[in-house]
């Protein structure tokens, strides 16, 4: 049986920044900011946001693996319904 960690990497556009958080599956309460970058910079060149997101994801996976001995498998999906909005 594979162990499951009850956490997620939440990437959110918030004002002028795109922020990455270590968060519980269904809430942002108690979430820890782990990365942030100015939105305008990420939007300047095609693919820049995707490269930033890949770097944050890779660093997140490595950090969790180093701390727990378990390599998490990230899957992409929409934010929980109660967290969705237009431009935060």
Protein backbone atom coordinates (compact mmCIF):
# COMPACT_ATOMS: atom_id res chain seq x y z
CA UNK A 1 0.00 0.00 0.00
CA UNK A 2 1.30 3.46 -0.89
CA UNK A 3 1.38 6.08 1.85
CA UNK A 4 -0.60 9.23 1.16
CA UNK A 5 0.25 12.66 2.50
CA UNK A 6 -2.70 14.88 3.26
CA UNK A 7 -1.20 18.10 1.89
CA UNK A 8 -1.09 19.95 -1.41
CA UNK A 9 0.86 22.51 -3.35
CA UNK A 10 -1.54 25.39 -3.95
CA UNK A 11 -0.55 27.96 -6.56
CA UNK A 12 -2.68 31.09 -6.48
CA UNK A 13 -2.73 34.41 -8.30
CA UNK A 14 -3.06 37.03 -5.58
CA UNK A 15 -2.95 40.66 -6.60
CA UNK A 16 0.39 41.48 -8.25
CA UNK A 17 1.93 38.12 -7.29
CA UNK A 18 1.60 34.41 -7.97
CA UNK A 19 2.13 32.57 -4.70
CA UNK A 20 2.81 28.92 -3.93
CA UNK A 21 1.65 27.44 -0.62
CA UNK A 22 2.02 24.18 1.29
CA UNK A 23 -1.61 23.68 2.29
CA UNK A 24 -4.10 21.18 3.64
CA UNK A 25 -6.26 19.46 0.99
CA UNK A 26 -9.46 21.42 1.59
CA UNK A 27 -8.43 24.71 3.18
CA UNK A 28 -5.86 27.45 3.06
CA UNK A 29 -6.06 27.93 6.84
CA UNK A 30 -2.57 27.49 8.22
CA UNK A 31 -1.02 27.34 4.74
CA UNK A 32 2.69 28.15 4.52
CA UNK A 33 3.93 30.46 1.76
CA UNK A 34 6.83 28.69 0.04
CA UNK A 35 7.34 30.79 -3.07
CA UNK A 36 6.20 34.01 -4.68
CA UNK A 37 6.92 35.86 -7.89
CA UNK A 38 5.59 39.02 -9.49
CA UNK A 39 2.77 38.17 -11.90
CA UNK A 40 3.85 40.73 -14.51
CA UNK A 41 7.27 39.07 -14.83
CA UNK A 42 5.75 35.60 -15.23
CA UNK A 43 3.43 36.93 -17.95
CA UNK A 44 6.16 38.69 -19.97
CA UNK A 45 7.34 35.67 -21.95
CA UNK A 46 5.42 32.64 -23.19
CA UNK A 47 6.13 29.64 -20.99
CA UNK A 48 7.70 31.57 -18.11
CA UNK A 49 4.82 30.82 -15.69
CA UNK A 50 4.99 27.13 -16.58
CA UNK A 51 8.76 27.06 -15.95
CA UNK A 52 8.34 28.83 -12.60
CA UNK A 53 5.55 26.45 -11.61
CA UNK A 54 7.71 23.43 -12.57
CA UNK A 55 10.62 24.76 -10.48
CA UNK A 56 8.39 25.38 -7.45
CA UNK A 57 6.83 21.93 -7.85
CA UNK A 58 10.22 20.20 -8.11
CA UNK A 59 11.54 22.03 -5.03
CA UNK A 60 8.34 21.22 -3.11
CA UNK A 61 8.54 17.51 -3.93
CA UNK A 62 12.22 17.38 -2.94
CA UNK A 63 11.58 19.20 0.34
CA UNK A 64 8.72 16.84 1.29
CA UNK A 65 10.78 13.80 0.30
CA UNK A 66 13.78 14.96 2.37
CA UNK A 67 11.57 15.65 5.40
CA UNK A 68 9.42 12.49 5.29
CA UNK A 69 11.24 9.92 3.20
CA UNK A 70 8.16 9.77 0.96
CA UNK A 71 8.29 11.17 -2.57
CA UNK A 72 4.92 12.81 -3.19
CA UNK A 73 3.20 12.47 -6.53
CA UNK A 74 1.74 15.82 -7.53
CA UNK A 75 -1.41 15.85 -9.60
CA UNK A 76 -2.91 18.97 -11.08
CA UNK A 77 -6.47 19.90 -10.46
CA UNK A 78 -8.71 22.82 -9.77
CA UNK A 79 -8.79 24.51 -6.40
CA UNK A 80 -11.59 23.43 -4.08
CA UNK A 81 -14.82 25.21 -5.08
CA UNK A 82 -14.90 27.40 -1.98
CA UNK A 83 -11.44 28.79 -2.85
CA UNK A 84 -12.14 29.77 -6.44
CA UNK A 85 -12.54 33.36 -7.46
CA UNK A 86 -11.67 35.66 -10.30
CA UNK A 87 -8.42 37.52 -9.78
CA UNK A 88 -7.70 37.40 -6.05
